[in-house]
PDB file of N, CA and C in Angstrom:
ATOM      1  N   MET A   1       9.682  18.424  -5.961  1.00  0.00           N
ATOM      2  CA  MET A   1      10.546  16.890  -5.743  1.00  0.00           C
ATOM      3  C   MET A   1      11.130  16.003  -6.670  1.00  0.00           C
ATOM      4  N   GLY A   2      12.109  16.017  -6.582  1.00  0.00           N
ATOM      5  CA  GLY A   2      12.873  15.158  -7.733  1.00  0.00           C
ATOM      6  C   GLY A   2      12.679  13.955  -8.323  1.00  0.00           C
ATOM      7  N   THR A   3      12.421  13.342  -9.658  1.00  0.00           N
ATOM      8  CA  THR A   3      12.007  12.655 -10.062  1.00  0.00           C
ATOM      9  C   THR A   3      12.610  11.122  -9.181  1.00  0.00           C
ATOM     10  N   LYS A   4      13.600  10.958  -8.791  1.00  0.00           N
ATOM     11  CA  LYS A   4      14.433  10.397  -7.809  1.00  0.00           C
ATOM     12  C   LYS A   4      13.581   9.941  -6.729  1.00  0.00           C
ATOM     13  N   LYS A   5      13.769  10.922  -6.452  1.00  0.00           N
ATOM     14  CA  LYS A   5      12.715  10.721  -4.570  1.00  0.00           C
ATOM     15  C   LYS A   5      11.213  10.475  -4.930  1.00  0.00           C
ATOM     16  N   GLN A   6      10.755  10.903  -6.045  1.00  0.00           N
ATOM     17  CA  GLN A   6       8.790   9.958  -6.505  1.00  0.00           C
ATOM     18  C   GLN A   6       9.417   8.586  -6.586  1.00  0.00           C
ATOM     19  N   ALA A   7      10.542   7.923  -7.009  1.00  0.00           N
ATOM     20  CA  ALA A   7      10.700   7.099  -7.545  1.00  0.00           C
ATOM     21  C   ALA A   7      10.513   5.614  -6.197  1.00  0.00           C
ATOM     22  N   GLN A   8      11.728   6.840  -5.410  1.00  0.00           N
ATOM     23  CA  GLN A   8      12.183   5.920  -4.082  1.00  0.00           C
ATOM     24  C   GLN A   8      10.553   5.751  -3.157  1.00  0.00           C
ATOM     25  N   ILE A   9       9.517   7.089  -3.379  1.00  0.00           N
ATOM     26  CA  ILE A   9       8.772   7.440  -2.012  1.00  0.00           C
ATOM     27  C   ILE A   9       7.786   5.597  -2.909  1.00  0.00           C
ATOM     28  N   ILE A  10       7.194   6.008  -4.496  1.00  0.00           N
ATOM     29  CA  ILE A  10       6.482   4.952  -4.853  1.00  0.00           C
ATOM     30  C   ILE A  10       7.017   3.570  -4.587  1.00  0.00           C
ATOM     31  N   THR A  11       8.322   3.165  -4.703  1.00  0.00           N
ATOM     32  CA  THR A  11       9.137   1.717  -4.717  1.00  0.00           C
ATOM     33  C   THR A  11       8.281   1.503  -3.073  1.00  0.00           C
ATOM     34  N   ARG A  12       8.628   2.250  -2.295  1.00  0.00           N
ATOM     35  CA  ARG A  12       8.095   2.036  -0.783  1.00  0.00           C
ATOM     36  C   ARG A  12       6.740   1.911  -0.537  1.00  0.00           C
ATOM     37  N   LEU A  13       6.374   2.656  -1.001  1.00  0.00           N
ATOM     38  CA  LEU A  13       4.326   2.616  -0.723  1.00  0.00           C
ATOM     39  C   LEU A  13       4.162   0.914  -1.686  1.00  0.00           C
ATOM     40  N   ALA A  14       4.595   0.454  -2.913  1.00  0.00           N
ATOM     41  CA  ALA A  14       4.503  -1.107  -3.382  1.00  0.00           C
ATOM     42  C   ALA A  14       5.072  -1.831  -2.677  1.00  0.00           C
ATOM     43  N   HIS A  15       6.052  -1.649  -2.061  1.00  0.00           N
ATOM     44  CA  HIS A  15       6.801  -2.450  -0.746  1.00  0.00           C
ATOM     45  C   HIS A  15       5.073  -2.606   0.070  1.00  0.00           C
ATOM     46  N   LEU A  16       5.150  -1.805   0.678  1.00  0.00           N
ATOM     47  CA  LEU A  16       4.254  -1.727   1.831  1.00  0.00           C
ATOM     48  C   LEU A  16       2.799  -2.589   1.287  1.00  0.00           C
ATOM     49  N   ILE A  17       2.307  -2.130  -0.054  1.00  0.00           N
ATOM     50  CA  ILE A  17       1.256  -2.831  -0.492  1.00  0.00           C
ATOM     51  C   ILE A  17       1.566  -4.294  -0.756  1.00  0.00           C
ATOM     52  N   THR A  18       2.680  -5.204  -1.168  1.00  0.00           N
ATOM     53  CA  THR A  18       2.502  -6.236  -1.399  1.00  0.00           C
ATOM     54  C   THR A  18       2.716  -6.825  -0.149  1.00  0.00           C
ATOM     55  N   LYS A  19       3.406  -6.283   1.303  1.00  0.00           N
ATOM     56  CA  LYS A  19       2.955  -6.528   2.383  1.00  0.00           C
ATOM     57  C   LYS A  19       1.659  -6.687   2.865  1.00  0.00           C
ATOM     58  N   ARG A  20       1.100  -5.575   2.576  1.00  0.00           N
ATOM     59  CA  ARG A  20      -0.532  -5.815   3.363  1.00  0.00           C
ATOM     60  C   ARG A  20      -1.397  -7.034   2.720  1.00  0.00           C
ATOM     61  N   SER A  21      -0.823  -6.825   1.382  1.00  0.00           N
ATOM     62  CA  SER A  21      -1.504  -8.041   0.705  1.00  0.00           C
ATOM     63  C   SER A  21      -0.974  -9.027   0.546  1.00  0.00           C
ATOM     64  N   GLU A  22       0.008  -9.826   1.152  1.00  0.00           N
ATOM     65  CA  GLU A  22       0.283 -10.923   1.937  1.00  0.00           C
ATOM     66  C   GLU A  22      -0.319 -11.244   2.696  1.00  0.00           C
ATOM     67  N   ARG A  23      -0.225 -10.438   3.411  1.00  0.00           N
ATOM     68  CA  ARG A  23      -1.355 -10.768   4.972  1.00  0.00           C
ATOM     69  C   ARG A  23      -2.348 -10.938   4.881  1.00  0.00           C
ATOM     70  N   LEU A  24      -2.975 -10.065   3.817  1.00  0.00           N
ATOM     71  CA  LEU A  24      -4.783 -10.158   3.693  1.00  0.00           C
ATOM     72  C   LEU A  24      -4.984 -11.912   2.556  1.00  0.00           C
ATOM     73  N   SER A  25      -4.301 -12.372   2.351  1.00  0.00           N
ATOM     74  CA  SER A  25      -4.224 -13.266   1.027  1.00  0.00           C
ATOM     75  C   SER A  25      -4.202 -14.591   2.748  1.00  0.00           C
ATOM     76  N   ASN A  26      -3.759 -14.450   3.790  1.00  0.00           N
ATOM     77  CA  ASN A  26      -3.638 -15.393   5.163  1.00  0.00           C
ATOM     78  C   ASN A  26      -4.769 -14.751   5.574  1.00  0.00           C
ATOM     79  N   GLN A  27      -5.976 -14.724   4.754  1.00  0.00           N
ATOM     80  CA  GLN A  27      -7.182 -14.100   5.628  1.00  0.00           C
ATOM     81  C   GLN A  27      -7.434 -14.901   7.196  1.00  0.00           C
ATOM     82  N   ASN A  28      -7.210 -16.458   6.630  1.00  0.00           N
ATOM     83  CA  ASN A  28      -8.329 -17.277   7.866  1.00  0.00           C
ATOM     84  C   ASN A  28      -7.522 -17.164   9.352  1.00  0.00           C
ATOM     85  N   SER A  29      -6.324 -16.450   9.091  1.00  0.00           N
ATOM     86  CA  SER A  29      -5.862 -16.322  10.445  1.00  0.00           C
ATOM     87  C   SER A  29      -5.856 -14.683  11.054  1.00  0.00           C
ATOM     88  N   LEU A  30      -6.846 -14.087  10.410  1.00  0.00           N
ATOM     89  CA  LEU A  30      -7.097 -12.692  10.445  1.00  0.00           C
ATOM     90  C   LEU A  30      -8.328 -12.294  11.313  1.00  0.00           C
ATOM     91  N   SER A  31      -8.765 -11.318  12.232  1.00  0.00           N
ATOM     92  CA  SER A  31     -10.352 -10.773  12.146  1.00  0.00           C
ATOM     93  C   SER A  31     -10.602  -9.694  10.956  1.00  0.00           C
ATOM     94  N   THR A  32     -11.723  -9.869  11.381  1.00  0.00           N
ATOM     95  CA  THR A  32     -12.589  -8.763  10.157  1.00  0.00           C
ATOM     96  C   THR A  32     -12.178  -7.935  10.531  1.00  0.00           C
ATOM     97  N   SER A  33     -11.888  -7.133  11.372  1.00  0.00           N
ATOM     98  CA  SER A  33     -11.536  -5.459  11.720  1.00  0.00           C
ATOM     99  C   SER A  33     -10.036  -5.616  11.107  1.00  0.00           C
ATOM    100  N   VAL A  34      -9.191  -6.472  11.448  1.00  0.00           N
ATOM    101  CA  VAL A  34      -7.726  -6.468  10.628  1.00  0.00           C
ATOM    102  C   VAL A  34      -7.657  -6.572   9.150  1.00  0.00           C
ATOM    103  N   SER A  35      -9.056  -7.456   8.603  1.00  0.00           N
ATOM    104  CA  SER A  35      -8.777  -7.283   7.586  1.00  0.00           C
ATOM    105  C   SER A  35      -9.390  -6.193   6.507  1.00  0.00           C
ATOM    106  N   ILE A  36     -10.423  -5.370   6.962  1.00  0.00           N
ATOM    107  CA  ILE A  36     -11.111  -3.888   6.664  1.00  0.00           C
ATOM    108  C   ILE A  36      -9.438  -3.061   6.715  1.00  0.00           C
ATOM    109  N   LYS A  37      -8.607  -3.021   8.002  1.00  0.00           N
ATOM    110  CA  LYS A  37      -7.704  -2.258   8.171  1.00  0.00           C
ATOM    111  C   LYS A  37      -6.515  -2.503   7.290  1.00  0.00           C
ATOM    112  N   LEU A  38      -6.180  -3.725   7.067  1.00  0.00           N
ATOM    113  CA  LEU A  38      -5.444  -3.758   5.795  1.00  0.00           C
ATOM    114  C   LEU A  38      -5.673  -3.241   4.709  1.00  0.00           C
ATOM    115  N   THR A  39      -7.067  -3.531   4.240  1.00  0.00           N
ATOM    116  CA  THR A  39      -7.836  -3.103   2.946  1.00  0.00           C
ATOM    117  C   THR A  39      -7.796  -1.841   2.800  1.00  0.00           C
ATOM    118  N   GLN A  40      -7.674  -1.196   3.683  1.00  0.00           N
ATOM    119  CA  GLN A  40      -7.928   0.125   3.638  1.00  0.00           C
ATOM    120  C   GLN A  40      -6.373   0.943   3.374  1.00  0.00           C
ATOM    121  N   GLU A  41      -5.524   0.472   4.183  1.00  0.00           N
ATOM    122  CA  GLU A  41      -4.026   0.555   4.240  1.00  0.00           C
ATOM    123  C   GLU A  41      -4.025   0.175   2.590  1.00  0.00           C
ATOM    124  N   ILE A  42      -4.265  -0.384   1.662  1.00  0.00           N
ATOM    125  CA  ILE A  42      -3.557  -1.065   0.753  1.00  0.00           C
ATOM    126  C   ILE A  42      -4.280   0.606  -0.252  1.00  0.00           C
ATOM    127  N   LYS A  43      -5.570   0.428  -0.254  1.00  0.00           N
ATOM    128  CA  LYS A  43      -6.681   1.774  -0.912  1.00  0.00           C
ATOM    129  C   LYS A  43      -5.683   3.051  -0.944  1.00  0.00           C
ATOM    130  N   THR A  44      -5.449   3.177   0.222  1.00  0.00           N
ATOM    131  CA  THR A  44      -4.547   4.567   0.436  1.00  0.00           C
ATOM    132  C   THR A  44      -3.477   4.546  -0.014  1.00  0.00           C
ATOM    133  N   TYR A  45      -2.421   3.290   0.211  1.00  0.00           N
ATOM    134  CA  TYR A  45      -1.286   3.571  -0.513  1.00  0.00           C
ATOM    135  C   TYR A  45      -1.451   3.380  -1.848  1.00  0.00           C
ATOM    136  N   CYS A  46      -1.996   2.872  -2.525  1.00  0.00           N
ATOM    137  CA  CYS A  46      -2.413   2.691  -4.249  1.00  0.00           C
ATOM    138  C   CYS A  46      -2.556   4.261  -4.405  1.00  0.00           C
ATOM    139  N   PHE A  47      -3.602   5.220  -3.373  1.00  0.00           N
ATOM    140  CA  PHE A  47      -4.317   6.183  -3.638  1.00  0.00           C
ATOM    141  C   PHE A  47      -2.534   7.645  -4.134  1.00  0.00           C
ATOM    142  N   LEU A  48      -1.872   7.729  -2.679  1.00  0.00           N
ATOM    143  CA  LEU A  48      -0.504   7.769  -2.657  1.00  0.00           C
ATOM    144  C   LEU A  48       0.121   7.814  -3.955  1.00  0.00           C
ATOM    145  N   ILE A  49       0.202   6.438  -4.114  1.00  0.00           N
ATOM    146  CA  ILE A  49       1.208   6.279  -5.913  1.00  0.00           C
ATOM    147  C   ILE A  49       0.546   6.954  -7.136  1.00  0.00           C
ATOM    148  N   ARG A  50      -0.734   7.004  -7.096  1.00  0.00           N
ATOM    149  CA  ARG A  50      -1.484   7.675  -7.694  1.00  0.00           C
ATOM    150  C   ARG A  50      -0.696   9.194  -7.994  1.00  0.00           C
ATOM    151  N   VAL A  51      -1.102   9.930  -6.838  1.00  0.00           N
ATOM    152  CA  VAL A  51      -0.771  11.111  -6.777  1.00  0.00           C
ATOM    153  C   VAL A  51       0.918  12.108  -6.895  1.00  0.00           C
ATOM    154  N   PHE A  52       1.843  10.794  -6.414  1.00  0.00           N
ATOM    155  CA  PHE A  52       3.095  10.918  -7.023  1.00  0.00           C
ATOM    156  C   PHE A  52       3.460  10.919  -8.245  1.00  0.00           C
ATOM    157  N   GLN A  53       2.355   9.881  -8.765  1.00  0.00           N
ATOM    158  CA  GLN A  53       2.747   9.677 -10.532  1.00  0.00           C
ATOM    159  C   GLN A  53       2.458  10.994 -11.481  1.00  0.00           C
ATOM    160  N   GLU A  54       1.198  11.381 -10.606  1.00  0.00           N
ATOM    161  CA  GLU A  54       0.922  12.680 -11.327  1.00  0.00           C
ATOM    162  C   GLU A  54       1.621  13.729 -11.140  1.00  0.00           C
ATOM    163  N   ASN A  55       2.975  13.913  -9.958  1.00  0.00           N
ATOM    164  CA  ASN A  55       3.507  15.316  -9.947  1.00  0.00           C
ATOM    165  C   ASN A  55       4.840  15.532 -10.640  1.00  0.00           C
TER     166      ASN A  55
END
């Protein structure tokens, strides 16, 4: 995979992390299950970024 493609994927993942973090910061309107789901998504996206950065 090319460096440019890796950068695009990392940028998209970072954008998703930002969106999930924004929703998570507004926790008073979220249920516990949604908060857990958002937290898990953020962890998954962070892991994927590390994977793409290593390759």
